[in-house]
PDB file of all heavy atoms in Angstrom:
ATOM      1  N   PHE A   1      12.041  -2.351  -0.169  1.00  0.00           N
ATOM      2  CA  PHE A   1      12.252  -1.440  -1.256  1.00  0.00           C
ATOM      3  C   PHE A   1      12.735  -0.122  -0.599  1.00  0.00           C
ATOM      4  O   PHE A   1      13.775   0.561  -1.010  1.00  0.00           O
ATOM      5  CB  PHE A   1      11.147  -1.087  -2.180  1.00  0.00           C
ATOM      6  CG  PHE A   1      11.005  -2.078  -3.291  1.00  0.00           C
ATOM      7  CD1 PHE A   1      11.483  -3.495  -3.143  1.00  0.00           C
ATOM      8  CD2 PHE A   1      10.444  -1.811  -4.373  1.00  0.00           C
ATOM      9  CE1 PHE A   1      11.334  -4.307  -4.151  1.00  0.00           C
ATOM     10  CE2 PHE A   1      10.516  -2.526  -5.522  1.00  0.00           C
ATOM     11  CZ  PHE A   1      10.847  -3.937  -5.421  1.00  0.00           C
ATOM     12  N   ARG A   2      11.981   0.452   0.370  1.00  0.00           N
ATOM     13  CA  ARG A   2      12.290   1.831   1.007  1.00  0.00           C
ATOM     14  C   ARG A   2      13.500   1.725   1.627  1.00  0.00           C
ATOM     15  O   ARG A   2      14.268   2.678   1.709  1.00  0.00           O
ATOM     16  CB  ARG A   2      11.054   2.087   1.765  1.00  0.00           C
ATOM     17  CG  ARG A   2       9.863   2.660   0.913  1.00  0.00           C
ATOM     18  CD  ARG A   2       8.574   3.148   1.528  1.00  0.00           C
ATOM     19  NE  ARG A   2       7.670   3.398   0.584  1.00  0.00           N
ATOM     20  CZ  ARG A   2       6.443   3.701   0.876  1.00  0.00           C
ATOM     21  NH1 ARG A   2       6.036   3.649   2.150  1.00  0.00           N
ATOM     22  NH2 ARG A   2       5.542   4.028  -0.056  1.00  0.00           N
ATOM     23  N   ARG A   3      13.907   0.576   2.360  1.00  0.00           N
ATOM     24  CA  ARG A   3      15.279   0.471   2.997  1.00  0.00           C
ATOM     25  C   ARG A   3      16.260   0.553   1.995  1.00  0.00           C
ATOM     26  O   ARG A   3      17.457   0.932   2.223  1.00  0.00           O
ATOM     27  CB  ARG A   3      15.213  -0.742   3.719  1.00  0.00           C
ATOM     28  CG  ARG A   3      14.499  -0.918   5.068  1.00  0.00           C
ATOM     29  CD  ARG A   3      14.422  -2.338   5.572  1.00  0.00           C
ATOM     30  NE  ARG A   3      13.506  -2.538   6.648  1.00  0.00           N
ATOM     31  CZ  ARG A   3      13.723  -2.568   7.897  1.00  0.00           C
ATOM     32  NH1 ARG A   3      14.888  -2.556   8.441  1.00  0.00           N
ATOM     33  NH2 ARG A   3      12.723  -2.668   8.750  1.00  0.00           N
ATOM     34  N   ALA A   4      16.098   0.073   0.773  1.00  0.00           N
ATOM     35  CA  ALA A   4      17.091   0.018  -0.306  1.00  0.00           C
ATOM     36  C   ALA A   4      17.061   1.383  -0.993  1.00  0.00           C
ATOM     37  O   ALA A   4      17.944   1.496  -1.933  1.00  0.00           O
ATOM     38  CB  ALA A   4      16.790  -1.098  -1.172  1.00  0.00           C
ATOM     39  N   GLY A   5      16.370   2.355  -0.627  1.00  0.00           N
ATOM     40  CA  GLY A   5      16.235   3.545  -1.344  1.00  0.00           C
ATOM     41  C   GLY A   5      15.545   3.618  -2.591  1.00  0.00           C
ATOM     42  O   GLY A   5      15.687   4.413  -3.578  1.00  0.00           O
ATOM     43  N   ILE A   6      14.595   2.620  -2.854  1.00  0.00           N
ATOM     44  CA  ILE A   6      13.937   2.539  -3.989  1.00  0.00           C
ATOM     45  C   ILE A   6      12.512   3.157  -3.742  1.00  0.00           C
ATOM     46  O   ILE A   6      11.793   2.627  -2.982  1.00  0.00           O
ATOM     47  CB  ILE A   6      13.748   1.046  -4.417  1.00  0.00           C
ATOM     48  CG1 ILE A   6      15.042   0.342  -4.787  1.00  0.00           C
ATOM     49  CG2 ILE A   6      12.655   0.857  -5.688  1.00  0.00           C
ATOM     50  CD1 ILE A   6      15.025  -1.156  -4.826  1.00  0.00           C
ATOM     51  N   GLU A   7      12.083   4.076  -4.662  1.00  0.00           N
ATOM     52  CA  GLU A   7      10.800   4.672  -4.482  1.00  0.00           C
ATOM     53  C   GLU A   7       9.772   3.630  -4.912  1.00  0.00           C
ATOM     54  O   GLU A   7       9.936   3.188  -6.160  1.00  0.00           O
ATOM     55  CB  GLU A   7      10.675   5.941  -5.357  1.00  0.00           C
ATOM     56  CG  GLU A   7      11.523   7.094  -4.681  1.00  0.00           C
ATOM     57  CD  GLU A   7      11.400   8.400  -5.496  1.00  0.00           C
ATOM     58  OE1 GLU A   7      10.287   8.612  -5.944  1.00  0.00           O
ATOM     59  OE2 GLU A   7      12.401   9.053  -5.757  1.00  0.00           O
ATOM     60  N   ILE A   8       8.808   3.367  -4.260  1.00  0.00           N
ATOM     61  CA  ILE A   8       7.724   2.571  -4.701  1.00  0.00           C
ATOM     62  C   ILE A   8       6.337   3.237  -4.211  1.00  0.00           C
ATOM     63  O   ILE A   8       6.118   3.618  -3.056  1.00  0.00           O
ATOM     64  CB  ILE A   8       7.846   1.102  -4.103  1.00  0.00           C
ATOM     65  CG1 ILE A   8       6.700   0.232  -4.647  1.00  0.00           C
ATOM     66  CG2 ILE A   8       7.827   1.003  -2.512  1.00  0.00           C
ATOM     67  CD1 ILE A   8       6.953  -1.260  -4.583  1.00  0.00           C
ATOM     68  N   GLU A   9       5.512   3.366  -5.179  1.00  0.00           N
ATOM     69  CA  GLU A   9       4.192   3.955  -4.902  1.00  0.00           C
ATOM     70  C   GLU A   9       3.234   2.854  -4.645  1.00  0.00           C
ATOM     71  O   GLU A   9       3.190   1.952  -5.424  1.00  0.00           O
ATOM     72  CB  GLU A   9       3.697   4.927  -6.101  1.00  0.00           C
ATOM     73  CG  GLU A   9       2.465   5.557  -5.832  1.00  0.00           C
ATOM     74  CD  GLU A   9       2.181   6.775  -6.802  1.00  0.00           C
ATOM     75  OE1 GLU A   9       3.199   7.455  -7.050  1.00  0.00           O
ATOM     76  OE2 GLU A   9       1.115   6.926  -7.191  1.00  0.00           O
ATOM     77  N   VAL A  10       2.510   2.871  -3.525  1.00  0.00           N
ATOM     78  CA  VAL A  10       1.488   1.972  -3.207  1.00  0.00           C
ATOM     79  C   VAL A  10       0.153   2.365  -3.831  1.00  0.00           C
ATOM     80  O   VAL A  10      -0.229   3.477  -3.404  1.00  0.00           O
ATOM     81  CB  VAL A  10       1.344   1.722  -1.575  1.00  0.00           C
ATOM     82  CG1 VAL A  10       0.300   0.779  -1.350  1.00  0.00           C
ATOM     83  CG2 VAL A  10       2.685   1.518  -1.078  1.00  0.00           C
ATOM     84  N   THR A  11      -0.343   1.821  -4.840  1.00  0.00           N
ATOM     85  CA  THR A  11      -1.547   2.102  -5.543  1.00  0.00           C
ATOM     86  C   THR A  11      -2.632   1.041  -5.161  1.00  0.00           C
ATOM     87  O   THR A  11      -2.492   0.059  -5.312  1.00  0.00           O
ATOM     88  CB  THR A  11      -1.159   2.026  -7.041  1.00  0.00           C
ATOM     89  OG1 THR A  11      -0.053   2.849  -7.318  1.00  0.00           O
ATOM     90  CG2 THR A  11      -2.313   2.444  -7.790  1.00  0.00           C
ATOM     91  N   GLY A  12      -3.733   1.782  -4.820  1.00  0.00           N
ATOM     92  CA  GLY A  12      -4.963   0.960  -4.462  1.00  0.00           C
ATOM     93  C   GLY A  12      -5.874   0.809  -5.740  1.00  0.00           C
ATOM     94  O   GLY A  12      -6.006   1.737  -6.469  1.00  0.00           O
ATOM     95  N   PHE A  13      -6.234  -0.438  -5.834  1.00  0.00           N
ATOM     96  CA  PHE A  13      -7.208  -0.566  -6.980  1.00  0.00           C
ATOM     97  C   PHE A  13      -8.677  -0.101  -6.499  1.00  0.00           C
ATOM     98  O   PHE A  13      -9.262  -0.768  -5.666  1.00  0.00           O
ATOM     99  CB  PHE A  13      -7.159  -2.028  -7.401  1.00  0.00           C
ATOM    100  CG  PHE A  13      -8.215  -2.526  -8.408  1.00  0.00           C
ATOM    101  CD1 PHE A  13      -7.939  -1.887  -9.739  1.00  0.00           C
ATOM    102  CD2 PHE A  13      -9.170  -3.420  -8.339  1.00  0.00           C
ATOM    103  CE1 PHE A  13      -8.831  -2.228 -10.782  1.00  0.00           C
ATOM    104  CE2 PHE A  13     -10.081  -3.628  -9.264  1.00  0.00           C
ATOM    105  CZ  PHE A  13      -9.901  -3.156 -10.536  1.00  0.00           C
ATOM    106  N   ASN A  14      -9.029   0.877  -6.997  1.00  0.00           N
ATOM    107  CA  ASN A  14     -10.399   1.495  -6.793  1.00  0.00           C
ATOM    108  C   ASN A  14     -10.516   2.324  -5.598  1.00  0.00           C
ATOM    109  O   ASN A  14     -11.495   3.037  -5.382  1.00  0.00           O
ATOM    110  CB  ASN A  14     -11.461   0.397  -6.855  1.00  0.00           C
ATOM    111  CG  ASN A  14     -11.744  -0.146  -8.268  1.00  0.00           C
ATOM    112  OD1 ASN A  14     -11.401   0.506  -9.272  1.00  0.00           O
ATOM    113  ND2 ASN A  14     -12.140  -1.269  -8.311  1.00  0.00           N
ATOM    114  N   TYR A  15      -9.704   2.094  -4.602  1.00  0.00           N
ATOM    115  CA  TYR A  15      -9.793   2.764  -3.273  1.00  0.00           C
ATOM    116  C   TYR A  15      -8.470   3.250  -2.747  1.00  0.00           C
ATOM    117  O   TYR A  15      -7.386   2.781  -3.129  1.00  0.00           O
ATOM    118  CB  TYR A  15     -10.498   1.789  -2.239  1.00  0.00           C
ATOM    119  CG  TYR A  15     -11.782   1.180  -2.601  1.00  0.00           C
ATOM    120  CD1 TYR A  15     -11.820   0.071  -3.198  1.00  0.00           C
ATOM    121  CD2 TYR A  15     -12.871   1.977  -2.476  1.00  0.00           C
ATOM    122  CE1 TYR A  15     -13.091  -0.605  -3.516  1.00  0.00           C
ATOM    123  CE2 TYR A  15     -14.147   1.439  -2.869  1.00  0.00           C
ATOM    124  CZ  TYR A  15     -14.261   0.238  -3.354  1.00  0.00           C
ATOM    125  OH  TYR A  15     -15.384  -0.298  -3.731  1.00  0.00           O
ATOM    126  N   ASP A  16      -8.493   4.272  -1.917  1.00  0.00           N
ATOM    127  CA  ASP A  16      -7.255   4.735  -1.215  1.00  0.00           C
ATOM    128  C   ASP A  16      -6.932   4.141   0.087  1.00  0.00           C
ATOM    129  O   ASP A  16      -5.956   4.307   0.637  1.00  0.00           O
ATOM    130  CB  ASP A  16      -7.163   6.283  -1.151  1.00  0.00           C
ATOM    131  CG  ASP A  16      -8.246   6.793  -0.316  1.00  0.00           C
ATOM    132  OD1 ASP A  16      -9.173   6.011   0.222  1.00  0.00           O
ATOM    133  OD2 ASP A  16      -8.236   7.944  -0.046  1.00  0.00           O
ATOM    134  N   THR A  17      -7.917   3.211   0.606  1.00  0.00           N
ATOM    135  CA  THR A  17      -7.786   2.537   1.844  1.00  0.00           C
ATOM    136  C   THR A  17      -8.117   1.037   1.370  1.00  0.00           C
ATOM    137  O   THR A  17      -9.118   0.864   0.874  1.00  0.00           O
ATOM    138  CB  THR A  17      -8.690   2.994   2.949  1.00  0.00           C
ATOM    139  OG1 THR A  17      -8.403   4.392   3.221  1.00  0.00           O
ATOM    140  CG2 THR A  17      -8.445   2.160   4.187  1.00  0.00           C
ATOM    141  N   VAL A  18      -7.118   0.137   1.652  1.00  0.00           N
ATOM    142  CA  VAL A  18      -7.373  -1.246   1.147  1.00  0.00           C
ATOM    143  C   VAL A  18      -7.229  -2.053   2.315  1.00  0.00           C
ATOM    144  O   VAL A  18      -6.318  -2.026   3.179  1.00  0.00           O
ATOM    145  CB  VAL A  18      -6.285  -1.467   0.012  1.00  0.00           C
ATOM    146  CG1 VAL A  18      -6.512  -3.051  -0.490  1.00  0.00           C
ATOM    147  CG2 VAL A  18      -6.379  -0.518  -1.075  1.00  0.00           C
ATOM    148  N   ILE A  19      -8.043  -3.154   2.419  1.00  0.00           N
ATOM    149  CA  ILE A  19      -8.077  -3.983   3.505  1.00  0.00           C
ATOM    150  C   ILE A  19      -7.579  -5.450   2.949  1.00  0.00           C
ATOM    151  O   ILE A  19      -8.080  -6.004   1.902  1.00  0.00           O
ATOM    152  CB  ILE A  19      -9.540  -4.245   4.004  1.00  0.00           C
ATOM    153  CG1 ILE A  19     -10.150  -2.973   4.483  1.00  0.00           C
ATOM    154  CG2 ILE A  19      -9.678  -5.274   5.120  1.00  0.00           C
ATOM    155  CD1 ILE A  19     -11.620  -2.974   4.755  1.00  0.00           C
ATOM    156  N   GLY A  20      -6.478  -5.867   3.654  1.00  0.00           N
ATOM    157  CA  GLY A  20      -5.943  -7.139   3.365  1.00  0.00           C
ATOM    158  C   GLY A  20      -6.781  -8.342   3.662  1.00  0.00           C
ATOM    159  O   GLY A  20      -7.749  -8.153   4.345  1.00  0.00           O
ATOM    160  N   GLY A  21      -6.293  -9.544   3.281  1.00  0.00           N
ATOM    161  CA  GLY A  21      -6.976 -10.710   3.537  1.00  0.00           C
ATOM    162  C   GLY A  21      -7.191 -11.060   4.907  1.00  0.00           C
ATOM    163  O   GLY A  21      -7.975 -11.880   5.254  1.00  0.00           O
ATOM    164  N   HIS A  22      -6.287 -10.548   5.756  1.00  0.00           N
ATOM    165  CA  HIS A  22      -6.315 -10.755   7.247  1.00  0.00           C
ATOM    166  C   HIS A  22      -6.674  -9.628   8.104  1.00  0.00           C
ATOM    167  O   HIS A  22      -6.373  -9.485   9.359  1.00  0.00           O
ATOM    168  CB  HIS A  22      -4.987 -11.457   7.637  1.00  0.00           C
ATOM    169  CG  HIS A  22      -4.703 -12.813   6.891  1.00  0.00           C
ATOM    170  ND1 HIS A  22      -4.829 -12.899   5.569  1.00  0.00           N
ATOM    171  CD2 HIS A  22      -4.172 -13.876   7.287  1.00  0.00           C
ATOM    172  CE1 HIS A  22      -4.466 -14.149   5.134  1.00  0.00           C
ATOM    173  NE2 HIS A  22      -4.096 -14.620   6.238  1.00  0.00           N
ATOM    174  N   GLY A  23      -7.301  -8.574   7.425  1.00  0.00           N
ATOM    175  CA  GLY A  23      -7.792  -7.481   8.158  1.00  0.00           C
ATOM    176  C   GLY A  23      -6.791  -6.270   8.333  1.00  0.00           C
ATOM    177  O   GLY A  23      -7.262  -5.187   8.989  1.00  0.00           O
ATOM    178  N   VAL A  24      -5.569  -6.465   7.750  1.00  0.00           N
ATOM    179  CA  VAL A  24      -4.683  -5.306   7.921  1.00  0.00           C
ATOM    180  C   VAL A  24      -5.033  -4.113   6.849  1.00  0.00           C
ATOM    181  O   VAL A  24      -5.467  -4.549   5.756  1.00  0.00           O
ATOM    182  CB  VAL A  24      -3.163  -5.822   7.647  1.00  0.00           C
ATOM    183  CG1 VAL A  24      -2.320  -4.596   7.497  1.00  0.00           C
ATOM    184  CG2 VAL A  24      -2.826  -6.818   8.703  1.00  0.00           C
ATOM    185  N   VAL A  25      -5.343  -2.914   7.431  1.00  0.00           N
ATOM    186  CA  VAL A  25      -5.668  -1.775   6.471  1.00  0.00           C
ATOM    187  C   VAL A  25      -4.524  -1.026   6.120  1.00  0.00           C
ATOM    188  O   VAL A  25      -3.794  -0.641   6.974  1.00  0.00           O
ATOM    189  CB  VAL A  25      -6.731  -0.912   7.300  1.00  0.00           C
ATOM    190  CG1 VAL A  25      -7.207   0.199   6.327  1.00  0.00           C
ATOM    191  CG2 VAL A  25      -7.916  -1.901   7.714  1.00  0.00           C
ATOM    192  N   LEU A  26      -4.377  -0.858   4.839  1.00  0.00           N
ATOM    193  CA  LEU A  26      -3.319   0.046   4.291  1.00  0.00           C
ATOM    194  C   LEU A  26      -3.901   1.290   3.715  1.00  0.00           C
ATOM    195  O   LEU A  26      -4.897   1.192   2.950  1.00  0.00           O
ATOM    196  CB  LEU A  26      -2.319  -0.608   3.313  1.00  0.00           C
ATOM    197  CG  LEU A  26      -1.446  -1.658   3.847  1.00  0.00           C
ATOM    198  CD1 LEU A  26      -0.510  -2.192   2.649  1.00  0.00           C
ATOM    199  CD2 LEU A  26      -0.620  -1.317   4.853  1.00  0.00           C
ATOM    200  N   LYS A  27      -3.292   2.384   3.916  1.00  0.00           N
ATOM    201  CA  LYS A  27      -3.640   3.696   3.188  1.00  0.00           C
ATOM    202  C   LYS A  27      -2.708   3.728   2.066  1.00  0.00           C
ATOM    203  O   LYS A  27      -1.453   3.700   2.265  1.00  0.00           O
ATOM    204  CB  LYS A  27      -3.396   4.898   4.274  1.00  0.00           C
ATOM    205  CG  LYS A  27      -3.663   6.190   3.560  1.00  0.00           C
ATOM    206  CD  LYS A  27      -5.111   6.562   3.466  1.00  0.00           C
ATOM    207  CE  LYS A  27      -5.187   8.086   3.101  1.00  0.00           C
ATOM    208  NZ  LYS A  27      -5.591   8.238   1.706  1.00  0.00           N
ATOM    209  N   THR A  28      -3.163   3.909   0.877  1.00  0.00           N
ATOM    210  CA  THR A  28      -2.350   3.928  -0.280  1.00  0.00           C
ATOM    211  C   THR A  28      -1.702   5.312  -0.624  1.00  0.00           C
ATOM    212  O   THR A  28      -2.394   6.221  -0.135  1.00  0.00           O
ATOM    213  CB  THR A  28      -3.044   3.331  -1.572  1.00  0.00           C
ATOM    214  OG1 THR A  28      -4.103   4.300  -1.875  1.00  0.00           O
ATOM    215  CG2 THR A  28      -3.597   1.910  -1.293  1.00  0.00           C
ATOM    216  N   ASP A  29      -0.719   5.370  -1.451  1.00  0.00           N
ATOM    217  CA  ASP A  29      -0.201   6.566  -1.947  1.00  0.00           C
ATOM    218  C   ASP A  29      -1.155   7.311  -3.051  1.00  0.00           C
ATOM    219  O   ASP A  29      -1.271   8.538  -3.252  1.00  0.00           O
ATOM    220  CB  ASP A  29       1.122   6.430  -2.452  1.00  0.00           C
ATOM    221  CG  ASP A  29       2.167   5.952  -1.400  1.00  0.00           C
ATOM    222  OD1 ASP A  29       2.083   6.518  -0.337  1.00  0.00           O
ATOM    223  OD2 ASP A  29       2.886   5.060  -1.792  1.00  0.00           O
TER     224      ASP A  29
END
């Protein structure tokens, strides 16, 4: 999306740091 110039907000459900199923941690917007 970002490569295509589409703004996308990464929203965390209940937290601003979210841990994926395989341990990758994302900081949300």
